[in-house]
Amino acid sequence: PRRAQAPVYPLPVADLQKAFTSMLRKRYAIQLFAEPTLADDAKRQYVYVERTPLLRFPDVINVQFIALSPDTSTMILHSGSVFGYSDLGKNKQRLTEMLDALVNIPGYVKRRSVPV
């Protein structure tokens, strides 16, 4: 599988987590679906389910928020299909859309990245 560089955000980890949650709420018409299905608050690790529009197949989104310093943070983000062999690029598209939406969060001045 291909891996991308994780952006470094000039935000405390709690603020990045809030921005991500806000972005997810905008993606879902039903707010209950924007809540994690599994959560480990101590590790800041969460699992969400997003369903395909037509056939409603579940895709799993895993995210873990990581503090790099008191004022910078990043995340590990993965999206994968539960059923089928190929997702026809949908999971990569989903992650790109999510990361692009986070570029507009307050305080995000320039793109830097760290290898994951």
N, C-alpha and C. Protein backbone atom coordinates (compact mmCIF):
# COMPACT_ATOMS: atom_id res chain seq x y z
N PRO A 1 0.82 -1.20 0.00
CA PRO A 1 0.00 0.00 0.00
C PRO A 1 0.87 1.26 0.00
N ARG A 2 0.38 2.27 -0.65
CA ARG A 2 1.10 3.54 -0.70
C ARG A 2 0.90 4.31 0.58
N ARG A 3 1.95 5.01 0.97
CA ARG A 3 1.88 5.84 2.16
C ARG A 3 2.19 7.27 1.77
N ALA A 4 1.52 8.18 2.41
CA ALA A 4 1.74 9.59 2.15
C ALA A 4 2.45 10.20 3.36
N GLN A 5 2.94 11.40 3.17
CA GLN A 5 3.55 12.14 4.27
C GLN A 5 2.45 12.73 5.14
N ALA A 6 2.62 12.61 6.43
CA ALA A 6 1.65 13.18 7.36
C ALA A 6 1.95 14.66 7.56
N PRO A 7 0.98 15.54 7.37
CA PRO A 7 1.22 16.96 7.61
C PRO A 7 1.50 17.24 9.08
N VAL A 8 2.32 18.24 9.32
CA VAL A 8 2.55 18.74 10.67
C VAL A 8 1.74 20.02 10.81
N TYR A 9 0.91 20.06 11.82
CA TYR A 9 0.03 21.21 12.03
C TYR A 9 0.57 22.06 13.18
N PRO A 10 0.60 23.38 13.01
CA PRO A 10 1.07 24.26 14.09
C PRO A 10 -0.04 24.48 15.13
N LEU A 11 -0.52 23.37 15.68
CA LEU A 11 -1.61 23.38 16.64
C LEU A 11 -1.32 22.37 17.75
N PRO A 12 -1.74 22.66 18.97
CA PRO A 12 -1.69 21.63 20.00
C PRO A 12 -2.55 20.43 19.57
N VAL A 13 -2.20 19.26 20.02
CA VAL A 13 -2.89 18.05 19.58
C VAL A 13 -4.39 18.09 19.86
N ALA A 14 -4.80 18.67 20.97
CA ALA A 14 -6.24 18.76 21.28
C ALA A 14 -6.98 19.61 20.24
N ASP A 15 -6.33 20.68 19.76
CA ASP A 15 -6.96 21.54 18.76
C ASP A 15 -7.05 20.83 17.41
N LEU A 16 -6.04 20.04 17.05
CA LEU A 16 -6.10 19.27 15.81
C LEU A 16 -7.24 18.26 15.88
N GLN A 17 -7.38 17.62 17.01
CA GLN A 17 -8.46 16.65 17.19
C GLN A 17 -9.82 17.32 17.05
N LYS A 18 -9.98 18.50 17.63
CA LYS A 18 -11.25 19.24 17.51
C LYS A 18 -11.51 19.62 16.06
N ALA A 19 -10.48 20.06 15.35
CA ALA A 19 -10.63 20.44 13.94
C ALA A 19 -11.04 19.24 13.09
N PHE A 20 -10.43 18.09 13.36
CA PHE A 20 -10.76 16.88 12.62
C PHE A 20 -12.22 16.48 12.89
N THR A 21 -12.63 16.52 14.13
CA THR A 21 -14.01 16.17 14.49
C THR A 21 -15.00 17.12 13.82
N SER A 22 -14.68 18.40 13.80
CA SER A 22 -15.53 19.38 13.13
C SER A 22 -15.63 19.10 11.63
N MET A 23 -14.49 18.77 11.02
CA MET A 23 -14.48 18.45 9.59
C MET A 23 -15.35 17.22 9.33
N LEU A 24 -15.26 16.20 10.18
CA LEU A 24 -16.08 15.00 9.99
C LEU A 24 -17.56 15.32 10.09
N ARG A 25 -17.93 16.16 11.03
CA ARG A 25 -19.35 16.51 11.19
C ARG A 25 -19.91 17.17 9.93
N LYS A 26 -19.06 17.90 9.23
CA LYS A 26 -19.50 18.54 7.98
C LYS A 26 -19.68 17.51 6.86
N ARG A 27 -18.99 16.38 6.96
CA ARG A 27 -19.09 15.33 5.93
C ARG A 27 -20.36 14.49 6.06
N TYR A 28 -20.91 14.41 7.27
CA TYR A 28 -22.03 13.52 7.54
C TYR A 28 -23.33 14.30 7.67
N ALA A 29 -24.37 13.85 6.99
CA ALA A 29 -25.69 14.47 7.11
C ALA A 29 -26.31 14.14 8.47
N ILE A 30 -26.06 12.94 8.95
CA ILE A 30 -26.58 12.51 10.25
C ILE A 30 -25.42 12.57 11.25
N GLN A 31 -25.51 13.47 12.22
CA GLN A 31 -24.40 13.74 13.12
C GLN A 31 -23.98 12.53 13.96
N LEU A 32 -24.91 11.63 14.24
CA LEU A 32 -24.56 10.43 15.00
C LEU A 32 -23.47 9.64 14.29
N PHE A 33 -23.47 9.66 12.94
CA PHE A 33 -22.47 8.92 12.18
C PHE A 33 -21.08 9.55 12.28
N ALA A 34 -21.00 10.78 12.76
CA ALA A 34 -19.71 11.45 12.91
C ALA A 34 -19.04 11.11 14.24
N GLU A 35 -19.65 10.23 15.00
CA GLU A 35 -19.06 9.79 16.27
C GLU A 35 -18.25 8.52 16.04
N PRO A 36 -17.15 8.35 16.78
CA PRO A 36 -16.35 7.14 16.58
C PRO A 36 -17.09 5.89 17.04
N THR A 37 -16.86 4.78 16.33
CA THR A 37 -17.44 3.51 16.75
C THR A 37 -16.57 2.85 17.81
N LEU A 38 -15.28 3.14 17.80
CA LEU A 38 -14.34 2.71 18.83
C LEU A 38 -13.47 3.90 19.20
N ALA A 39 -13.12 4.01 20.48
CA ALA A 39 -12.31 5.14 20.92
C ALA A 39 -11.37 4.72 22.04
N ASP A 40 -10.14 5.19 21.95
CA ASP A 40 -9.18 5.05 23.04
C ASP A 40 -8.66 6.46 23.32
N ASP A 41 -9.32 7.14 24.25
CA ASP A 41 -8.99 8.54 24.52
C ASP A 41 -7.56 8.70 25.03
N ALA A 42 -7.06 7.73 25.78
CA ALA A 42 -5.70 7.83 26.32
C ALA A 42 -4.66 7.85 25.19
N LYS A 43 -4.91 7.10 24.13
CA LYS A 43 -3.99 7.07 22.98
C LYS A 43 -4.40 8.05 21.89
N ARG A 44 -5.55 8.72 22.07
CA ARG A 44 -6.12 9.60 21.04
C ARG A 44 -6.28 8.84 19.72
N GLN A 45 -6.80 7.62 19.83
CA GLN A 45 -6.98 6.75 18.67
C GLN A 45 -8.47 6.45 18.51
N TYR A 46 -8.97 6.63 17.26
CA TYR A 46 -10.41 6.52 17.03
C TYR A 46 -10.69 5.78 15.72
N VAL A 47 -11.83 5.10 15.69
CA VAL A 47 -12.28 4.38 14.50
C VAL A 47 -13.66 4.90 14.13
N TYR A 48 -13.81 5.27 12.86
CA TYR A 48 -15.09 5.75 12.32
C TYR A 48 -15.49 4.84 11.17
N VAL A 49 -16.78 4.83 10.86
CA VAL A 49 -17.28 4.08 9.71
C VAL A 49 -17.98 5.07 8.78
N GLU A 50 -17.57 5.04 7.52
CA GLU A 50 -18.25 5.85 6.50
C GLU A 50 -18.76 4.88 5.45
N ARG A 51 -19.98 5.07 5.02
CA ARG A 51 -20.59 4.14 4.07
C ARG A 51 -20.58 4.70 2.66
N THR A 52 -20.45 3.78 1.69
CA THR A 52 -20.47 4.19 0.29
C THR A 52 -21.87 4.70 -0.05
N PRO A 53 -21.95 5.69 -0.93
CA PRO A 53 -23.25 6.32 -1.20
C PRO A 53 -24.32 5.39 -1.77
N LEU A 54 -23.97 4.56 -2.74
CA LEU A 54 -24.99 3.79 -3.44
C LEU A 54 -25.40 2.51 -2.69
N LEU A 55 -24.44 1.65 -2.42
CA LEU A 55 -24.75 0.36 -1.83
C LEU A 55 -24.55 0.31 -0.32
N ARG A 56 -24.07 1.40 0.26
CA ARG A 56 -23.92 1.55 1.71
C ARG A 56 -22.92 0.56 2.33
N PHE A 57 -21.90 0.16 1.55
CA PHE A 57 -20.85 -0.68 2.10
C PHE A 57 -20.05 0.11 3.12
N PRO A 58 -19.63 -0.52 4.22
CA PRO A 58 -18.87 0.21 5.23
C PRO A 58 -17.39 0.31 4.86
N ASP A 59 -16.82 1.48 5.03
CA ASP A 59 -15.38 1.71 4.95
C ASP A 59 -14.95 2.18 6.33
N VAL A 60 -13.81 1.70 6.79
CA VAL A 60 -13.33 2.01 8.13
C VAL A 60 -12.25 3.08 8.05
N ILE A 61 -12.38 4.11 8.88
CA ILE A 61 -11.40 5.19 8.96
C ILE A 61 -10.77 5.13 10.34
N ASN A 62 -9.46 4.97 10.38
CA ASN A 62 -8.69 4.96 11.62
C ASN A 62 -7.89 6.24 11.71
N VAL A 63 -7.90 6.86 12.87
CA VAL A 63 -7.10 8.08 13.07
C VAL A 63 -6.49 8.05 14.46
N GLN A 64 -5.24 8.50 14.52
CA GLN A 64 -4.58 8.69 15.81
C GLN A 64 -3.88 10.04 15.78
N PHE A 65 -4.16 10.85 16.78
CA PHE A 65 -3.59 12.19 16.89
C PHE A 65 -2.33 12.12 17.74
N ILE A 66 -1.26 12.78 17.27
CA ILE A 66 0.03 12.69 17.93
C ILE A 66 0.58 14.08 18.20
N ALA A 67 0.94 14.34 19.45
CA ALA A 67 1.58 15.61 19.81
C ALA A 67 3.06 15.49 19.48
N LEU A 68 3.57 16.43 18.69
CA LEU A 68 5.00 16.47 18.38
C LEU A 68 5.73 17.40 19.34
N SER A 69 5.02 18.41 19.80
CA SER A 69 5.51 19.37 20.79
C SER A 69 4.26 19.99 21.41
N PRO A 70 4.41 20.89 22.38
CA PRO A 70 3.20 21.52 22.92
C PRO A 70 2.39 22.31 21.89
N ASP A 71 3.05 22.76 20.82
CA ASP A 71 2.38 23.61 19.83
C ASP A 71 2.28 23.01 18.44
N THR A 72 2.72 21.78 18.25
CA THR A 72 2.61 21.13 16.93
C THR A 72 2.09 19.71 17.10
N SER A 73 1.40 19.24 16.08
CA SER A 73 0.83 17.89 16.13
C SER A 73 0.69 17.34 14.72
N THR A 74 0.41 16.07 14.66
CA THR A 74 0.17 15.40 13.39
C THR A 74 -0.81 14.27 13.66
N MET A 75 -1.08 13.47 12.64
CA MET A 75 -1.98 12.34 12.84
C MET A 75 -1.61 11.22 11.89
N ILE A 76 -1.99 10.03 12.29
CA ILE A 76 -1.92 8.87 11.42
C ILE A 76 -3.36 8.64 10.97
N LEU A 77 -3.56 8.57 9.66
CA LEU A 77 -4.91 8.47 9.10
C LEU A 77 -4.93 7.35 8.07
N HIS A 78 -5.90 6.44 8.19
CA HIS A 78 -6.03 5.32 7.27
C HIS A 78 -7.51 5.08 6.97
N SER A 79 -7.81 4.78 5.72
CA SER A 79 -9.16 4.44 5.32
C SER A 79 -9.10 3.15 4.51
N GLY A 80 -9.97 2.20 4.84
CA GLY A 80 -9.96 0.93 4.12
C GLY A 80 -11.34 0.35 3.96
N SER A 81 -11.51 -0.39 2.89
CA SER A 81 -12.78 -1.05 2.61
C SER A 81 -12.91 -2.32 3.43
N VAL A 82 -14.12 -2.63 3.84
CA VAL A 82 -14.38 -3.87 4.56
C VAL A 82 -14.64 -5.00 3.58
N PHE A 83 -15.39 -4.72 2.51
CA PHE A 83 -15.74 -5.74 1.53
C PHE A 83 -15.13 -5.42 0.18
N GLY A 84 -14.81 -6.46 -0.57
CA GLY A 84 -14.34 -6.29 -1.94
C GLY A 84 -12.83 -6.28 -2.05
N TYR A 85 -12.37 -6.35 -3.28
CA TYR A 85 -10.94 -6.40 -3.57
C TYR A 85 -10.40 -5.01 -3.89
N SER A 86 -11.14 -4.25 -4.65
CA SER A 86 -10.69 -2.92 -5.06
C SER A 86 -11.71 -1.88 -4.64
N ASP A 87 -11.20 -0.74 -4.19
CA ASP A 87 -12.10 0.36 -3.83
C ASP A 87 -12.14 1.41 -4.93
N LEU A 88 -11.45 1.14 -6.05
CA LEU A 88 -11.41 2.04 -7.20
C LEU A 88 -10.90 3.43 -6.81
N GLY A 89 -10.03 3.48 -5.82
CA GLY A 89 -9.41 4.74 -5.42
C GLY A 89 -10.23 5.57 -4.44
N LYS A 90 -11.34 5.04 -3.97
CA LYS A 90 -12.24 5.82 -3.10
C LYS A 90 -11.60 6.15 -1.76
N ASN A 91 -10.86 5.22 -1.16
CA ASN A 91 -10.27 5.49 0.14
C ASN A 91 -9.18 6.55 0.06
N LYS A 92 -8.36 6.49 -0.98
CA LYS A 92 -7.34 7.52 -1.18
C LYS A 92 -8.01 8.88 -1.40
N GLN A 93 -9.07 8.90 -2.19
CA GLN A 93 -9.82 10.13 -2.44
C GLN A 93 -10.39 10.68 -1.13
N ARG A 94 -10.94 9.81 -0.30
CA ARG A 94 -11.52 10.23 0.97
C ARG A 94 -10.44 10.90 1.85
N LEU A 95 -9.28 10.26 1.96
CA LEU A 95 -8.22 10.82 2.80
C LEU A 95 -7.72 12.15 2.24
N THR A 96 -7.60 12.24 0.93
CA THR A 96 -7.17 13.50 0.31
C THR A 96 -8.18 14.61 0.61
N GLU A 97 -9.46 14.30 0.50
CA GLU A 97 -10.50 15.29 0.82
C GLU A 97 -10.41 15.72 2.28
N MET A 98 -10.19 14.77 3.17
CA MET A 98 -10.09 15.10 4.60
C MET A 98 -8.88 16.00 4.88
N LEU A 99 -7.73 15.63 4.34
CA LEU A 99 -6.53 16.42 4.57
C LEU A 99 -6.65 17.81 3.94
N ASP A 100 -7.26 17.88 2.75
CA ASP A 100 -7.47 19.18 2.11
C ASP A 100 -8.39 20.07 2.94
N ALA A 101 -9.40 19.47 3.56
CA ALA A 101 -10.33 20.25 4.39
C ALA A 101 -9.62 20.80 5.62
N LEU A 102 -8.62 20.08 6.12
CA LEU A 102 -7.91 20.53 7.31
C LEU A 102 -6.87 21.62 7.01
N VAL A 103 -6.56 21.85 5.76
CA VAL A 103 -5.63 22.92 5.41
C VAL A 103 -6.20 24.28 5.81
N ASN A 104 -7.50 24.39 5.85
CA ASN A 104 -8.16 25.67 6.14
C ASN A 104 -8.39 25.94 7.61
N ILE A 105 -7.91 25.07 8.49
CA ILE A 105 -8.13 25.31 9.91
C ILE A 105 -7.28 26.49 10.38
N PRO A 106 -7.78 27.26 11.33
CA PRO A 106 -7.02 28.41 11.82
C PRO A 106 -5.66 27.99 12.36
N GLY A 107 -4.65 28.77 12.05
CA GLY A 107 -3.32 28.49 12.54
C GLY A 107 -2.49 27.63 11.62
N TYR A 108 -3.12 27.04 10.60
CA TYR A 108 -2.36 26.20 9.68
C TYR A 108 -1.72 27.11 8.65
N VAL A 109 -0.46 27.42 8.85
CA VAL A 109 0.20 28.42 8.04
C VAL A 109 0.91 27.82 6.83
N LYS A 110 1.72 26.82 7.04
CA LYS A 110 2.40 26.23 5.90
C LYS A 110 2.48 24.73 6.05
N ARG A 111 2.52 24.07 4.92
CA ARG A 111 2.58 22.62 4.90
C ARG A 111 4.01 22.15 5.18
N ARG A 112 4.13 21.35 6.20
CA ARG A 112 5.37 20.64 6.46
C ARG A 112 4.97 19.19 6.62
N SER A 113 5.88 18.29 6.51
CA SER A 113 5.49 16.90 6.67
C SER A 113 6.60 16.10 7.32
N VAL A 114 6.18 15.00 7.90
CA VAL A 114 7.11 14.05 8.51
C VAL A 114 6.83 12.68 7.93
N PRO A 115 7.86 11.88 7.73
CA PRO A 115 7.61 10.52 7.22
C PRO A 115 6.92 9.68 8.27
N VAL A 116 6.02 8.80 7.79
CA VAL A 116 5.34 7.88 8.70
C VAL A 116 5.59 6.46 8.28
